[in-house]
Amino acid sequence: MFRTHPPRFALASVAIWSALCLLTLVIVWRCWSQSTPSLRYLSIIEIALTVSLGALLWMHLPRALQWQPRRSVRPSPELQAERKRIARDLHDHVGSQLVGAMALLDAAVPAQAQALRALEQCLLDLRLVVDSMDGNDESLPERLARLRHRMQPVLERQGIQVVWDVDCPSDATPPGGERAAHLACIAQEALSNVLQHSGATQVQVRMVHVPDRGHWQLDISDNGTGLPTELAWSSWGRGLTGMQERAKLARGRLHLLRPQRGGTCVRIVLPCADSASPGHSP
């Protein structure tokens, strides 16, 4: 109990020290009443040690009381090292082979252009996987910045303008750890759908903090063909199902919207409190 809750340990230590102070006062009073020089000398030493111990406890007490449990499990150093090794091997070996295969294809040849686009998508997915393995402790804005670095050049080569609006106030703590990883994966899947299926010319990624409602809101919206009139969650394949599952794991809600201006908006609403109950939009 004390090992996993430093505030309890600190308060228990202060309580024991207070009891020790009372006991020390009683012992010192009896020693001085006997008028023995050696006992008086030992009493002075005992008082000095007790005061020193109390000073150390009170110095660390404020920090201990501010302790809060981590919102996500911290991976061990061995696990972090293994993840970095796997990410490095994927980047150096698989990534170089994909680049080599792409160099053998000619985009001007119709029969090879489709294979070249497929290899480019594989290389992009590989780089995103490597990035996700290398940023376990990053916050959501940091993960979105990595995603932008990888996705924006690809989107713009396809003629899709990217509007990036990620607002993180200094007085608000953005999602981090596993929650940030799940939200970044949802954003990645939404951008991939824009790239492959929407026929859009513009996509906007917008993240805002809504303090009045106590949540974060992440929107990925485009001006493409939009959603079908009759929307069935099961008919959208594994991509949308995966986004639903990740939203639940992040203790958030996923919404698919049809903006009045057209296109599609994927919205994730994530409560600021960790105790929020998971859910999804019907």
Protein backbone atom coordinates (compact mmCIF):
# COMPACT_ATOMS: atom_id res chain seq x y z
CA MET A 1 0.00 0.00 0.00
CA PHE A 2 2.75 2.48 0.94
CA ARG A 3 4.95 1.53 -2.00
CA THR A 4 2.25 2.43 -4.54
CA HIS A 5 0.93 5.51 -2.66
CA PRO A 6 3.76 7.89 -1.64
CA PRO A 7 1.34 10.39 0.03
CA ARG A 8 0.21 7.70 2.49
CA PHE A 9 3.81 6.76 3.17
CA ALA A 10 4.75 10.40 3.80
CA LEU A 11 1.83 11.02 6.16
CA ALA A 12 2.55 7.79 8.06
CA SER A 13 6.21 8.82 8.39
CA VAL A 14 5.21 12.23 9.78
CA ALA A 15 2.84 10.56 12.26
CA ILE A 16 5.59 8.21 13.46
CA TRP A 17 8.02 11.12 13.74
CA SER A 18 5.48 13.09 15.81
CA ALA A 19 5.13 10.15 18.20
CA LEU A 20 8.91 9.91 18.34
CA CYS A 21 9.12 13.59 19.27
CA LEU A 22 6.78 13.09 22.22
CA LEU A 23 8.75 10.08 23.38
CA THR A 24 12.00 12.03 23.02
CA LEU A 25 10.67 14.87 25.17
CA VAL A 26 9.73 12.44 27.94
CA ILE A 27 13.14 10.74 27.84
CA VAL A 28 15.01 14.06 27.77
CA TRP A 29 13.01 15.39 30.73
CA ARG A 30 13.85 12.29 32.80
CA CYS A 31 17.53 12.42 31.83
CA TRP A 32 17.87 16.08 32.81
CA SER A 33 16.06 15.47 36.07
CA GLN A 34 18.74 12.93 37.07
CA SER A 35 21.48 15.58 36.53
CA THR A 36 23.91 13.06 34.97
CA PRO A 37 26.29 14.81 32.51
CA SER A 38 26.59 11.75 30.24
CA LEU A 39 22.80 11.36 30.02
CA ARG A 40 22.43 15.06 29.29
CA TYR A 41 24.97 14.74 26.48
CA LEU A 42 23.08 11.81 24.98
CA SER A 43 19.81 13.77 25.29
CA ILE A 44 21.27 16.64 23.26
CA ILE A 45 22.38 14.19 20.55
CA GLU A 46 18.92 12.58 20.50
CA ILE A 47 17.22 15.96 20.15
CA ALA A 48 19.55 16.92 17.27
CA LEU A 49 18.87 13.67 15.41
CA THR A 50 15.11 13.96 15.89
CA VAL A 51 15.07 17.55 14.62
CA SER A 52 17.20 16.56 11.58
CA LEU A 53 14.88 13.68 10.74
CA GLY A 54 11.86 15.97 11.04
CA ALA A 55 13.43 18.57 8.76
CA LEU A 56 14.05 15.94 6.07
CA LEU A 57 10.47 14.66 6.33
CA TRP A 58 8.92 18.12 6.07
CA MET A 59 11.14 18.99 3.10
CA HIS A 60 9.83 16.03 1.07
CA LEU A 61 6.23 16.12 2.32
CA PRO A 62 4.87 18.71 -0.17
CA ARG A 63 6.28 16.81 -3.15
CA ALA A 64 4.93 13.50 -1.86
CA LEU A 65 1.44 14.96 -1.39
CA GLN A 66 1.42 16.18 -5.00
CA TRP A 67 2.09 12.70 -6.35
CA GLN A 68 -0.50 11.25 -8.73
CA PRO A 69 -0.63 7.80 -10.31
CA ARG A 70 0.41 7.53 -13.96
CA ARG A 71 -2.42 7.51 -16.46
CA SER A 72 -0.73 4.80 -18.48
CA VAL A 73 1.56 1.92 -17.65
CA ARG A 74 5.24 2.80 -18.05
CA PRO A 75 7.00 0.12 -20.11
CA SER A 76 10.14 -1.36 -18.63
CA PRO A 77 13.56 -0.28 -19.97
CA GLU A 78 13.98 -3.72 -21.53
CA LEU A 79 10.67 -3.41 -23.38
CA GLN A 80 11.53 0.09 -24.57
CA ALA A 81 14.90 -1.12 -25.85
CA GLU A 82 13.26 -4.03 -27.68
CA ARG A 83 10.72 -1.73 -29.30
CA LYS A 84 13.47 0.58 -30.49
CA ARG A 85 15.40 -2.38 -31.90
CA ILE A 86 12.35 -3.65 -33.80
CA ALA A 87 11.60 -0.14 -35.09
CA ARG A 88 15.21 0.27 -36.24
CA ASP A 89 15.20 -3.09 -38.02
CA LEU A 90 11.89 -2.33 -39.74
CA HIS A 91 13.17 1.04 -40.90
CA ASP A 92 16.59 -0.18 -42.06
CA HIS A 93 15.62 -3.50 -43.66
CA VAL A 94 11.98 -3.54 -44.71
CA GLY A 95 11.97 0.19 -45.48
CA SER A 96 15.06 -0.03 -47.69
CA GLN A 97 13.60 -3.01 -49.57
CA LEU A 98 10.40 -1.08 -50.29
CA VAL A 99 12.39 1.91 -51.52
CA GLY A 100 14.44 -0.40 -53.75
CA ALA A 101 11.31 -1.99 -55.18
CA MET A 102 9.80 1.44 -55.87
CA ALA A 103 12.96 2.45 -57.73
CA LEU A 104 12.45 -0.44 -60.17
CA LEU A 105 8.99 0.79 -61.20
CA ASP A 106 8.16 3.52 -63.70
CA ALA A 107 5.16 5.70 -62.84
CA ALA A 108 4.74 6.54 -66.54
CA VAL A 109 3.87 2.91 -67.29
CA PRO A 110 0.16 2.34 -66.47
CA ALA A 111 0.74 -1.28 -65.51
CA GLN A 112 3.39 -0.25 -62.95
CA ALA A 113 1.78 2.94 -61.65
CA GLN A 114 -0.77 1.08 -59.52
CA ALA A 115 1.93 -1.13 -57.99
CA LEU A 116 4.03 1.97 -57.29
CA ARG A 117 1.14 3.64 -55.43
CA ALA A 118 0.60 0.47 -53.39
CA LEU A 119 4.28 0.38 -52.42
CA GLU A 120 4.17 4.07 -51.47
CA GLN A 121 1.22 3.34 -49.18
CA CYS A 122 3.07 0.39 -47.63
CA LEU A 123 6.12 2.57 -47.01
CA LEU A 124 3.97 5.26 -45.43
CA ASP A 125 2.26 2.72 -43.16
CA LEU A 126 5.64 1.30 -42.18
CA ARG A 127 6.99 4.72 -41.24
CA LEU A 128 3.89 5.47 -39.17
CA VAL A 129 4.28 2.16 -37.32
CA VAL A 130 7.94 2.94 -36.61
CA ASP A 131 6.97 6.40 -35.34
CA SER A 132 4.32 4.94 -33.02
CA MET A 133 6.84 2.48 -31.55
CA ASP A 134 9.34 5.26 -30.92
CA GLY A 135 7.02 7.67 -29.07
CA ASN A 136 5.43 5.83 -26.14
CA ASP A 137 5.41 8.79 -23.74
CA GLU A 138 4.38 11.46 -26.25
CA SER A 139 1.26 13.55 -25.83
CA LEU A 140 -1.47 13.73 -28.45
CA PRO A 141 -0.21 17.01 -30.03
CA GLU A 142 3.26 15.45 -30.39
CA ARG A 143 1.85 12.31 -32.00
CA LEU A 144 -0.29 14.40 -34.35
CA ALA A 145 2.82 16.37 -35.32
CA ARG A 146 4.54 13.11 -36.28
CA LEU A 147 1.47 12.10 -38.25
CA ARG A 148 1.41 15.42 -40.07
CA HIS A 149 5.09 15.08 -40.96
CA ARG A 150 4.37 11.74 -42.67
CA MET A 151 0.89 12.31 -44.14
CA GLN A 152 0.89 15.91 -45.37
CA PRO A 153 3.42 15.43 -48.23
CA VAL A 154 1.51 12.37 -49.46
CA LEU A 155 -1.84 14.15 -49.32
CA GLU A 156 -0.52 17.22 -51.09
CA ARG A 157 1.01 15.09 -53.88
CA GLN A 158 -2.53 13.83 -54.50
CA GLY A 159 -3.84 17.39 -54.71
CA ILE A 160 -5.39 17.45 -51.21
CA GLN A 161 -4.76 20.64 -49.24
CA VAL A 162 -4.11 20.06 -45.53
CA VAL A 163 -5.36 22.53 -42.91
CA TRP A 164 -3.85 21.84 -39.49
CA ASP A 165 -5.36 23.45 -36.41
CA VAL A 166 -4.15 21.78 -33.20
CA ASP A 167 -4.75 24.03 -30.19
CA CYS A 168 -3.37 23.01 -26.80
CA PRO A 169 -3.78 25.67 -24.08
CA SER A 170 -0.92 25.98 -21.62
CA ASP A 171 -3.24 25.43 -18.65
CA ALA A 172 -4.66 22.14 -19.99
CA THR A 173 -2.98 18.73 -19.99
CA PRO A 174 -3.50 16.96 -23.33
CA PRO A 175 -4.12 13.21 -23.52
CA GLY A 176 -1.00 11.11 -23.37
CA GLY A 177 0.20 7.52 -23.24
CA GLU A 178 -2.13 4.86 -24.61
CA ARG A 179 -5.04 7.29 -25.01
CA ALA A 180 -2.94 9.50 -27.28
CA ALA A 181 -1.77 6.45 -29.23
CA HIS A 182 -5.36 5.33 -29.88
CA LEU A 183 -6.46 8.80 -30.99
CA ALA A 184 -3.46 9.17 -33.31
CA CYS A 185 -4.33 5.82 -34.91
CA ILE A 186 -7.92 6.99 -35.46
CA ALA A 187 -6.64 10.17 -37.10
CA GLN A 188 -4.28 8.12 -39.27
CA GLU A 189 -7.10 5.84 -40.43
CA ALA A 190 -9.36 8.83 -41.15
CA LEU A 191 -6.64 10.52 -43.23
CA SER A 192 -5.98 7.28 -45.10
CA ASN A 193 -9.68 7.08 -45.97
CA VAL A 194 -9.57 10.68 -47.22
CA LEU A 195 -6.55 9.82 -49.35
CA GLN A 196 -7.99 6.66 -50.88
CA HIS A 197 -11.77 7.01 -51.02
CA SER A 198 -13.09 10.55 -50.49
CA GLY A 199 -12.18 12.36 -53.70
CA ALA A 200 -11.58 15.44 -51.54
CA THR A 201 -9.46 18.48 -52.35
CA GLN A 202 -9.08 19.65 -48.73
CA VAL A 203 -8.86 18.00 -45.33
CA GLN A 204 -8.76 19.70 -41.94
CA VAL A 205 -7.38 18.29 -38.70
CA ARG A 206 -8.66 20.26 -35.73
CA MET A 207 -8.06 19.61 -32.02
CA VAL A 208 -9.57 21.84 -29.33
CA HIS A 209 -10.02 21.80 -25.59
CA VAL A 210 -13.60 22.45 -24.45
CA PRO A 211 -13.29 23.31 -20.73
CA ASP A 212 -17.01 24.07 -20.29
CA ARG A 213 -17.88 20.49 -21.20
CA GLY A 214 -14.72 18.96 -19.76
CA HIS A 215 -13.46 17.22 -22.88
CA TRP A 216 -11.05 17.32 -25.81
CA GLN A 217 -12.42 17.24 -29.36
CA LEU A 218 -10.54 15.99 -32.41
CA ASP A 219 -12.09 16.50 -35.86
CA ILE A 220 -10.84 15.16 -39.20
CA SER A 221 -13.09 16.65 -41.87
CA ASP A 222 -12.92 16.77 -45.67
CA ASN A 223 -14.89 18.20 -48.59
CA GLY A 224 -15.19 14.94 -50.49
CA THR A 225 -18.13 12.81 -51.59
CA GLY A 226 -19.42 12.39 -48.02
CA LEU A 227 -21.20 9.57 -46.25
CA PRO A 228 -24.05 7.54 -47.71
CA THR A 229 -27.56 8.49 -46.63
CA GLU A 230 -28.18 5.19 -44.88
CA LEU A 231 -25.22 4.70 -42.58
CA ALA A 232 -24.61 1.23 -41.19
CA TRP A 233 -21.61 0.84 -38.94
CA SER A 234 -21.04 -2.79 -39.94
CA SER A 235 -20.91 -1.97 -43.65
CA TRP A 236 -17.82 0.21 -43.37
CA GLY A 237 -15.37 -2.64 -42.91
CA ARG A 238 -12.53 -3.14 -40.49
CA GLY A 239 -11.27 0.43 -40.73
CA LEU A 240 -14.29 1.99 -39.09
CA THR A 241 -14.70 -0.92 -36.70
CA GLY A 242 -11.10 -0.42 -35.61
CA MET A 243 -11.72 3.29 -35.04
CA GLN A 244 -14.73 2.44 -32.88
CA GLU A 245 -12.74 0.00 -30.79
CA ARG A 246 -9.86 2.44 -30.32
CA ALA A 247 -12.26 5.20 -29.26
CA LYS A 248 -13.68 2.89 -26.59
CA LEU A 249 -10.20 1.91 -25.39
CA ALA A 250 -9.37 5.62 -25.07
CA ARG A 251 -12.61 6.08 -23.06
CA GLY A 252 -13.99 8.41 -25.70
CA ARG A 253 -16.83 8.60 -28.22
CA LEU A 254 -16.60 8.39 -31.99
CA HIS A 255 -19.03 10.25 -34.26
CA LEU A 256 -19.40 10.26 -38.05
CA LEU A 257 -20.95 13.53 -39.21
CA ARG A 258 -22.19 15.01 -42.49
CA PRO A 259 -21.32 18.73 -42.44
CA GLN A 260 -23.73 21.07 -44.23
CA ARG A 261 -21.00 22.09 -46.65
CA GLY A 262 -20.58 18.43 -47.67
CA GLY A 263 -17.91 15.84 -47.10
CA THR A 264 -17.29 13.79 -43.97
CA CYS A 265 -16.24 14.64 -40.43
CA VAL A 266 -14.78 12.05 -38.07
CA ARG A 267 -15.12 13.44 -34.55
CA ILE A 268 -13.64 11.98 -31.37
CA VAL A 269 -14.80 13.40 -28.05
CA LEU A 270 -12.48 12.50 -25.20
CA PRO A 271 -13.35 13.42 -21.58
CA CYS A 272 -10.53 15.06 -19.66
CA ALA A 273 -11.16 12.85 -16.60
CA ASP A 274 -9.81 9.30 -16.71
CA SER A 275 -12.95 8.02 -15.01
CA ALA A 276 -15.12 8.73 -18.05
CA SER A 277 -17.20 5.83 -19.21
CA PRO A 278 -16.54 4.53 -22.70
CA GLY A 279 -19.10 4.80 -25.42
CA HIS A 280 -19.79 5.46 -29.08
CA SER A 281 -22.31 7.20 -31.14
CA PRO A 282 -25.14 5.16 -32.64
